Amino acid sequence: VPQKIKETLELNILNISNQISEAEKLKEDAKNILIEHEKKISDSKNEVKEMIKKANEEAEKNVIKTNKEFHDLMDNRKKSAEERIKQLRNQALKDIKNASVKIAIESVEKLIKNSLDKSKLDKIFSSSIEETKLALKKKSS
């Protein structure tokens, strides 16, 4: 009987020892899996950080590009407006010159038609000059 108890106890000890070894092996496997998952999480975090960094860089590039395009567009519009102003100014100067020539011709015609005496011619000449000045002032205003 003591031999039988000893064998049963040894068998139980061996069985418990095997279970402990198996538990330690499972614990080690679980630890390895945990380490592996923590590494994957760390890698994922780093990958997310890198993606955010690249997205920010790309967004910044797009903002700079859009800003440059906007300034280029505004410069082109400014140049167009300046060119249009220049054209309008030149046209106004032409109109003033044409009006001056027309007034001068009309004044000469009046002088020729009314050429009677020197004093009358002087009066007509003076009034024609005044008319020209007034017309030029009206055109330039």
N, C-alpha and C. Protein backbone atom coordinates (compact mmCIF):
# COMPACT_ATOMS: atom_id res chain seq x y z
N VAL A 1 0.83 -1.18 0.00
CA VAL A 1 0.00 0.00 0.00
C VAL A 1 0.88 1.25 0.00
N PRO A 2 1.93 1.34 0.83
CA PRO A 2 2.74 2.55 0.78
C PRO A 2 3.37 2.73 -0.59
N GLN A 3 3.71 1.63 -1.23
CA GLN A 3 4.31 1.72 -2.57
C GLN A 3 3.28 2.29 -3.53
N LYS A 4 2.09 1.88 -3.43
CA LYS A 4 1.02 2.33 -4.30
C LYS A 4 0.76 3.81 -4.07
N ILE A 5 0.77 4.26 -2.84
CA ILE A 5 0.56 5.67 -2.50
C ILE A 5 1.73 6.48 -3.05
N LYS A 6 2.92 5.94 -2.90
CA LYS A 6 4.11 6.62 -3.40
C LYS A 6 4.00 6.77 -4.91
N GLU A 7 3.63 5.73 -5.61
CA GLU A 7 3.51 5.78 -7.07
C GLU A 7 2.43 6.78 -7.48
N THR A 8 1.32 6.80 -6.79
CA THR A 8 0.23 7.72 -7.11
C THR A 8 0.68 9.15 -6.86
N LEU A 9 1.39 9.37 -5.76
CA LEU A 9 1.90 10.71 -5.46
C LEU A 9 2.93 11.14 -6.50
N GLU A 10 3.82 10.24 -6.85
CA GLU A 10 4.83 10.57 -7.86
C GLU A 10 4.16 10.86 -9.20
N LEU A 11 3.12 10.07 -9.50
CA LEU A 11 2.40 10.30 -10.75
C LEU A 11 1.70 11.66 -10.71
N ASN A 12 1.13 11.98 -9.57
CA ASN A 12 0.48 13.29 -9.40
C ASN A 12 1.52 14.42 -9.47
N ILE A 13 2.67 14.19 -8.84
CA ILE A 13 3.75 15.20 -8.87
C ILE A 13 4.22 15.40 -10.31
N LEU A 14 4.39 14.30 -11.01
CA LEU A 14 4.84 14.37 -12.39
C LEU A 14 3.78 15.09 -13.25
N ASN A 15 2.53 14.76 -13.02
CA ASN A 15 1.44 15.38 -13.76
C ASN A 15 1.37 16.88 -13.46
N ILE A 16 1.50 17.25 -12.19
CA ILE A 16 1.50 18.66 -11.79
C ILE A 16 2.73 19.36 -12.37
N SER A 17 3.85 18.70 -12.35
CA SER A 17 5.08 19.27 -12.92
C SER A 17 4.90 19.51 -14.42
N ASN A 18 4.30 18.55 -15.10
CA ASN A 18 4.04 18.72 -16.55
C ASN A 18 3.08 19.88 -16.79
N GLN A 19 2.07 19.99 -15.93
CA GLN A 19 1.11 21.10 -16.08
C GLN A 19 1.79 22.44 -15.82
N ILE A 20 2.68 22.46 -14.86
CA ILE A 20 3.43 23.70 -14.58
C ILE A 20 4.32 24.05 -15.77
N SER A 21 4.99 23.04 -16.34
CA SER A 21 5.85 23.28 -17.51
C SER A 21 5.00 23.78 -18.68
N GLU A 22 3.86 23.14 -18.86
CA GLU A 22 2.96 23.56 -19.94
C GLU A 22 2.46 24.99 -19.69
N ALA A 23 2.13 25.31 -18.45
CA ALA A 23 1.66 26.66 -18.10
C ALA A 23 2.77 27.69 -18.34
N GLU A 24 4.01 27.33 -17.98
CA GLU A 24 5.14 28.24 -18.21
C GLU A 24 5.37 28.44 -19.70
N LYS A 25 5.22 27.34 -20.47
CA LYS A 25 5.38 27.44 -21.92
C LYS A 25 4.29 28.34 -22.49
N LEU A 26 3.03 28.16 -22.04
CA LEU A 26 1.93 29.01 -22.50
C LEU A 26 2.15 30.46 -22.08
N LYS A 27 2.67 30.65 -20.87
CA LYS A 27 2.97 32.00 -20.39
C LYS A 27 4.02 32.64 -21.29
N GLU A 28 5.05 31.88 -21.64
CA GLU A 28 6.13 32.40 -22.51
C GLU A 28 5.57 32.71 -23.89
N ASP A 29 4.72 31.83 -24.41
CA ASP A 29 4.09 32.08 -25.72
C ASP A 29 3.23 33.35 -25.67
N ALA A 30 2.46 33.49 -24.59
CA ALA A 30 1.62 34.67 -24.43
C ALA A 30 2.47 35.94 -24.35
N LYS A 31 3.59 35.83 -23.63
CA LYS A 31 4.50 36.98 -23.52
C LYS A 31 5.05 37.35 -24.89
N ASN A 32 5.44 36.34 -25.67
CA ASN A 32 5.96 36.58 -27.03
C ASN A 32 4.88 37.21 -27.92
N ILE A 33 3.65 36.70 -27.81
CA ILE A 33 2.55 37.27 -28.60
C ILE A 33 2.30 38.72 -28.18
N LEU A 34 2.34 38.98 -26.87
CA LEU A 34 2.15 40.33 -26.37
C LEU A 34 3.24 41.26 -26.91
N ILE A 35 4.48 40.81 -26.85
CA ILE A 35 5.60 41.61 -27.37
C ILE A 35 5.40 41.88 -28.86
N GLU A 36 4.98 40.85 -29.58
CA GLU A 36 4.76 40.97 -31.02
C GLU A 36 3.65 42.00 -31.30
N HIS A 37 2.56 41.92 -30.54
CA HIS A 37 1.46 42.87 -30.74
C HIS A 37 1.86 44.29 -30.33
N GLU A 38 2.62 44.40 -29.26
CA GLU A 38 3.09 45.74 -28.85
C GLU A 38 3.99 46.34 -29.92
N LYS A 39 4.81 45.50 -30.57
CA LYS A 39 5.67 45.98 -31.66
C LYS A 39 4.81 46.42 -32.84
N LYS A 40 3.77 45.63 -33.15
CA LYS A 40 2.88 46.00 -34.25
C LYS A 40 2.17 47.32 -33.93
N ILE A 41 1.73 47.49 -32.68
CA ILE A 41 1.07 48.74 -32.27
C ILE A 41 2.05 49.90 -32.40
N SER A 42 3.27 49.69 -31.95
CA SER A 42 4.29 50.74 -32.04
C SER A 42 4.57 51.09 -33.50
N ASP A 43 4.71 50.05 -34.33
CA ASP A 43 4.94 50.29 -35.76
C ASP A 43 3.76 51.04 -36.38
N SER A 44 2.55 50.65 -35.97
CA SER A 44 1.35 51.32 -36.50
C SER A 44 1.33 52.79 -36.08
N LYS A 45 1.68 53.05 -34.82
CA LYS A 45 1.71 54.44 -34.35
C LYS A 45 2.73 55.25 -35.15
N ASN A 46 3.91 54.66 -35.37
CA ASN A 46 4.94 55.36 -36.14
C ASN A 46 4.46 55.59 -37.58
N GLU A 47 3.79 54.60 -38.13
CA GLU A 47 3.27 54.73 -39.49
C GLU A 47 2.21 55.83 -39.56
N VAL A 48 1.34 55.90 -38.57
CA VAL A 48 0.32 56.95 -38.52
C VAL A 48 0.98 58.31 -38.39
N LYS A 49 1.99 58.42 -37.52
CA LYS A 49 2.71 59.69 -37.38
C LYS A 49 3.33 60.11 -38.70
N GLU A 50 3.93 59.16 -39.40
CA GLU A 50 4.56 59.46 -40.69
C GLU A 50 3.51 59.89 -41.71
N MET A 51 2.37 59.21 -41.71
CA MET A 51 1.29 59.59 -42.63
C MET A 51 0.78 61.00 -42.34
N ILE A 52 0.63 61.32 -41.06
CA ILE A 52 0.18 62.67 -40.67
C ILE A 52 1.22 63.71 -41.09
N LYS A 53 2.48 63.37 -40.87
CA LYS A 53 3.57 64.30 -41.25
C LYS A 53 3.53 64.55 -42.75
N LYS A 54 3.39 63.47 -43.54
CA LYS A 54 3.35 63.63 -45.00
C LYS A 54 2.11 64.41 -45.43
N ALA A 55 0.98 64.14 -44.79
CA ALA A 55 -0.25 64.87 -45.12
C ALA A 55 -0.09 66.36 -44.82
N ASN A 56 0.54 66.67 -43.68
CA ASN A 56 0.77 68.09 -43.34
C ASN A 56 1.71 68.75 -44.34
N GLU A 57 2.75 68.04 -44.72
CA GLU A 57 3.69 68.59 -45.71
C GLU A 57 2.99 68.83 -47.04
N GLU A 58 2.16 67.88 -47.44
CA GLU A 58 1.44 68.00 -48.70
C GLU A 58 0.44 69.17 -48.63
N ALA A 59 -0.23 69.28 -47.50
CA ALA A 59 -1.18 70.38 -47.32
C ALA A 59 -0.45 71.73 -47.38
N GLU A 60 0.71 71.79 -46.74
CA GLU A 60 1.50 73.03 -46.76
C GLU A 60 1.94 73.37 -48.18
N LYS A 61 2.38 72.35 -48.92
CA LYS A 61 2.76 72.58 -50.32
C LYS A 61 1.58 73.09 -51.13
N ASN A 62 0.40 72.50 -50.89
CA ASN A 62 -0.79 72.93 -51.62
C ASN A 62 -1.17 74.36 -51.27
N VAL A 63 -1.03 74.72 -50.01
CA VAL A 63 -1.34 76.09 -49.60
C VAL A 63 -0.37 77.07 -50.28
N ILE A 64 0.90 76.72 -50.28
CA ILE A 64 1.91 77.59 -50.92
C ILE A 64 1.62 77.69 -52.42
N LYS A 65 1.30 76.57 -53.05
CA LYS A 65 1.02 76.56 -54.48
C LYS A 65 -0.21 77.41 -54.79
N THR A 66 -1.27 77.22 -54.00
CA THR A 66 -2.50 77.99 -54.21
C THR A 66 -2.25 79.47 -53.99
N ASN A 67 -1.48 79.79 -52.97
CA ASN A 67 -1.14 81.18 -52.68
C ASN A 67 -0.37 81.81 -53.84
N LYS A 68 0.59 81.06 -54.38
CA LYS A 68 1.37 81.56 -55.51
C LYS A 68 0.47 81.77 -56.73
N GLU A 69 -0.40 80.79 -57.00
CA GLU A 69 -1.32 80.91 -58.13
C GLU A 69 -2.22 82.13 -57.96
N PHE A 70 -2.69 82.35 -56.73
CA PHE A 70 -3.54 83.51 -56.46
C PHE A 70 -2.78 84.81 -56.73
N HIS A 71 -1.55 84.89 -56.24
CA HIS A 71 -0.76 86.11 -56.45
C HIS A 71 -0.45 86.32 -57.93
N ASP A 72 -0.17 85.23 -58.65
CA ASP A 72 0.06 85.35 -60.09
C ASP A 72 -1.19 85.87 -60.79
N LEU A 73 -2.34 85.33 -60.40
CA LEU A 73 -3.60 85.78 -60.99
C LEU A 73 -3.84 87.25 -60.71
N MET A 74 -3.58 87.67 -59.47
CA MET A 74 -3.78 89.07 -59.10
C MET A 74 -2.79 89.97 -59.86
N ASP A 75 -1.56 89.50 -60.03
CA ASP A 75 -0.58 90.29 -60.79
C ASP A 75 -1.04 90.45 -62.24
N ASN A 76 -1.55 89.36 -62.82
CA ASN A 76 -2.04 89.43 -64.20
C ASN A 76 -3.23 90.39 -64.32
N ARG A 77 -4.13 90.32 -63.34
CA ARG A 77 -5.28 91.23 -63.37
C ARG A 77 -4.83 92.67 -63.21
N LYS A 78 -3.84 92.88 -62.34
CA LYS A 78 -3.33 94.24 -62.13
C LYS A 78 -2.71 94.76 -63.42
N LYS A 79 -1.92 93.91 -64.09
CA LYS A 79 -1.29 94.33 -65.35
C LYS A 79 -2.35 94.63 -66.40
N SER A 80 -3.39 93.80 -66.45
CA SER A 80 -4.47 94.03 -67.42
C SER A 80 -5.16 95.36 -67.13
N ALA A 81 -5.44 95.61 -65.85
CA ALA A 81 -6.09 96.87 -65.47
C ALA A 81 -5.21 98.06 -65.81
N GLU A 82 -3.92 97.94 -65.53
CA GLU A 82 -3.00 99.04 -65.85
C GLU A 82 -2.94 99.28 -67.35
N GLU A 83 -2.95 98.19 -68.14
CA GLU A 83 -2.92 98.32 -69.60
C GLU A 83 -4.21 98.99 -70.09
N ARG A 84 -5.34 98.59 -69.51
CA ARG A 84 -6.62 99.19 -69.89
C ARG A 84 -6.64 100.68 -69.53
N ILE A 85 -6.13 101.04 -68.37
CA ILE A 85 -6.06 102.45 -67.96
C ILE A 85 -5.18 103.23 -68.94
N LYS A 86 -4.07 102.62 -69.32
CA LYS A 86 -3.16 103.28 -70.27
C LYS A 86 -3.87 103.50 -71.61
N GLN A 87 -4.61 102.49 -72.07
CA GLN A 87 -5.34 102.62 -73.33
C GLN A 87 -6.39 103.73 -73.24
N LEU A 88 -7.14 103.75 -72.12
CA LEU A 88 -8.16 104.77 -71.94
C LEU A 88 -7.54 106.17 -71.88
N ARG A 89 -6.40 106.28 -71.22
CA ARG A 89 -5.70 107.57 -71.13
C ARG A 89 -5.27 108.03 -72.52
N ASN A 90 -4.68 107.10 -73.29
CA ASN A 90 -4.25 107.45 -74.65
C ASN A 90 -5.44 107.86 -75.52
N GLN A 91 -6.56 107.15 -75.36
CA GLN A 91 -7.76 107.49 -76.13
C GLN A 91 -8.27 108.87 -75.73
N ALA A 92 -8.25 109.16 -74.43
CA ALA A 92 -8.70 110.48 -73.96
C ALA A 92 -7.80 111.58 -74.53
N LEU A 93 -6.49 111.33 -74.56
CA LEU A 93 -5.57 112.32 -75.13
C LEU A 93 -5.86 112.53 -76.62
N LYS A 94 -6.13 111.44 -77.34
CA LYS A 94 -6.47 111.55 -78.76
C LYS A 94 -7.75 112.37 -78.94
N ASP A 95 -8.75 112.07 -78.09
CA ASP A 95 -10.01 112.80 -78.18
C ASP A 95 -9.81 114.29 -77.93
N ILE A 96 -8.97 114.61 -76.94
CA ILE A 96 -8.68 116.03 -76.64
C ILE A 96 -7.98 116.68 -77.82
N LYS A 97 -7.01 115.99 -78.39
CA LYS A 97 -6.29 116.56 -79.55
C LYS A 97 -7.24 116.77 -80.72
N ASN A 98 -8.09 115.76 -80.97
CA ASN A 98 -9.04 115.88 -82.09
C ASN A 98 -10.01 117.04 -81.86
N ALA A 99 -10.48 117.17 -80.60
CA ALA A 99 -11.38 118.28 -80.28
C ALA A 99 -10.66 119.61 -80.45
N SER A 100 -9.40 119.67 -80.05
CA SER A 100 -8.62 120.91 -80.18
C SER A 100 -8.45 121.28 -81.65
N VAL A 101 -8.15 120.28 -82.46
CA VAL A 101 -7.97 120.54 -83.89
C VAL A 101 -9.30 121.01 -84.50
N LYS A 102 -10.38 120.34 -84.11
CA LYS A 102 -11.69 120.71 -84.63
C LYS A 102 -12.04 122.15 -84.25
N ILE A 103 -11.80 122.48 -82.99
CA ILE A 103 -12.08 123.84 -82.52
C ILE A 103 -11.21 124.85 -83.25
N ALA A 104 -9.95 124.50 -83.45
CA ALA A 104 -9.04 125.42 -84.16
C ALA A 104 -9.49 125.63 -85.59
N ILE A 105 -9.91 124.55 -86.25
CA ILE A 105 -10.37 124.67 -87.64
C ILE A 105 -11.63 125.53 -87.69
N GLU A 106 -12.56 125.27 -86.77
CA GLU A 106 -13.78 126.07 -86.73
C GLU A 106 -13.44 127.55 -86.48
N SER A 107 -12.47 127.78 -85.60
CA SER A 107 -12.07 129.18 -85.32
C SER A 107 -11.49 129.83 -86.55
N VAL A 108 -10.66 129.11 -87.27
CA VAL A 108 -10.06 129.66 -88.49
C VAL A 108 -11.15 129.94 -89.52
N GLU A 109 -12.11 129.01 -89.64
CA GLU A 109 -13.21 129.22 -90.58
C GLU A 109 -13.99 130.48 -90.22
N LYS A 110 -14.27 130.66 -88.92
CA LYS A 110 -14.97 131.87 -88.47
C LYS A 110 -14.16 133.11 -88.81
N LEU A 111 -12.84 133.00 -88.59
CA LEU A 111 -11.98 134.16 -88.88
C LEU A 111 -12.02 134.50 -90.36
N ILE A 112 -11.96 133.49 -91.18
CA ILE A 112 -11.94 133.74 -92.63
C ILE A 112 -13.29 134.32 -93.08
N LYS A 113 -14.39 133.75 -92.58
CA LYS A 113 -15.72 134.23 -92.96
C LYS A 113 -15.97 135.67 -92.49
N ASN A 114 -15.47 135.97 -91.34
CA ASN A 114 -15.74 137.27 -90.74
C ASN A 114 -14.56 138.22 -90.82
N SER A 115 -13.67 138.02 -91.74
CA SER A 115 -12.48 138.86 -91.81
C SER A 115 -12.85 140.24 -92.36
N LEU A 116 -13.18 141.12 -91.50
CA LEU A 116 -13.57 142.46 -91.90
C LEU A 116 -12.49 143.46 -91.55
N ASP A 117 -12.30 143.66 -90.30
CA ASP A 117 -11.27 144.60 -89.91
C ASP A 117 -10.42 144.01 -88.80
N LYS A 118 -9.32 144.66 -88.54
CA LYS A 118 -8.32 144.14 -87.58
C LYS A 118 -8.89 144.03 -86.18
N SER A 119 -9.64 144.99 -85.72
CA SER A 119 -10.15 144.95 -84.36
C SER A 119 -11.17 143.82 -84.20
N LYS A 120 -12.00 143.62 -85.22
CA LYS A 120 -12.97 142.53 -85.17
C LYS A 120 -12.23 141.19 -85.19
N LEU A 121 -11.19 141.06 -85.98
CA LEU A 121 -10.39 139.83 -86.05
C LEU A 121 -9.74 139.54 -84.70
N ASP A 122 -9.23 140.58 -84.05
CA ASP A 122 -8.60 140.40 -82.73
C ASP A 122 -9.62 139.89 -81.71
N LYS A 123 -10.84 140.44 -81.75
CA LYS A 123 -11.88 139.99 -80.83
C LYS A 123 -12.23 138.52 -81.10
N ILE A 124 -12.39 138.18 -82.38
CA ILE A 124 -12.74 136.80 -82.74
C ILE A 124 -11.61 135.84 -82.33
N PHE A 125 -10.38 136.25 -82.56
CA PHE A 125 -9.22 135.42 -82.18
C PHE A 125 -9.19 135.19 -80.68
N SER A 126 -9.40 136.26 -79.91
CA SER A 126 -9.40 136.14 -78.45
C SER A 126 -10.53 135.24 -77.97
N SER A 127 -11.71 135.44 -78.55
CA SER A 127 -12.84 134.59 -78.12
C SER A 127 -12.60 133.14 -78.53
N SER A 128 -11.97 132.90 -79.68
CA SER A 128 -11.67 131.53 -80.12
C SER A 128 -10.68 130.86 -79.18
N ILE A 129 -9.70 131.61 -78.73
CA ILE A 129 -8.73 131.07 -77.78
C ILE A 129 -9.44 130.69 -76.48
N GLU A 130 -10.33 131.57 -76.01
CA GLU A 130 -11.07 131.30 -74.79
C GLU A 130 -11.97 130.07 -74.97
N GLU A 131 -12.62 129.97 -76.14
CA GLU A 131 -13.46 128.80 -76.42
C GLU A 131 -12.62 127.52 -76.41
N THR A 132 -11.45 127.58 -76.99
CA THR A 132 -10.55 126.42 -77.02
C THR A 132 -10.14 126.03 -75.61
N LYS A 133 -9.78 127.02 -74.81
CA LYS A 133 -9.39 126.74 -73.42
C LYS A 133 -10.54 126.08 -72.66
N LEU A 134 -11.74 126.66 -72.81
CA LEU A 134 -12.92 126.11 -72.12
C LEU A 134 -13.21 124.68 -72.60
N ALA A 135 -13.12 124.47 -73.91
CA ALA A 135 -13.37 123.12 -74.44
C ALA A 135 -12.34 122.13 -73.94
N LEU A 136 -11.10 122.56 -73.88
CA LEU A 136 -10.05 121.66 -73.37
C LEU A 136 -10.27 121.35 -71.90
N LYS A 137 -10.68 122.36 -71.14
CA LYS A 137 -10.94 122.14 -69.72
C LYS A 137 -12.10 121.16 -69.53
N LYS A 138 -13.14 121.32 -70.34
CA LYS A 138 -14.30 120.41 -70.26
C LYS A 138 -13.89 118.98 -70.62
N LYS A 139 -13.09 118.83 -71.65
CA LYS A 139 -12.65 117.50 -72.08
C LYS A 139 -11.74 116.84 -71.04
N SER A 140 -10.90 117.63 -70.41
CA SER A 140 -9.97 117.05 -69.45
C SER A 140 -10.63 116.75 -68.12
N SER A 141 -11.77 117.34 -67.82
CA SER A 141 -12.46 117.10 -66.54
C SER A 141 -13.18 115.79 -66.53
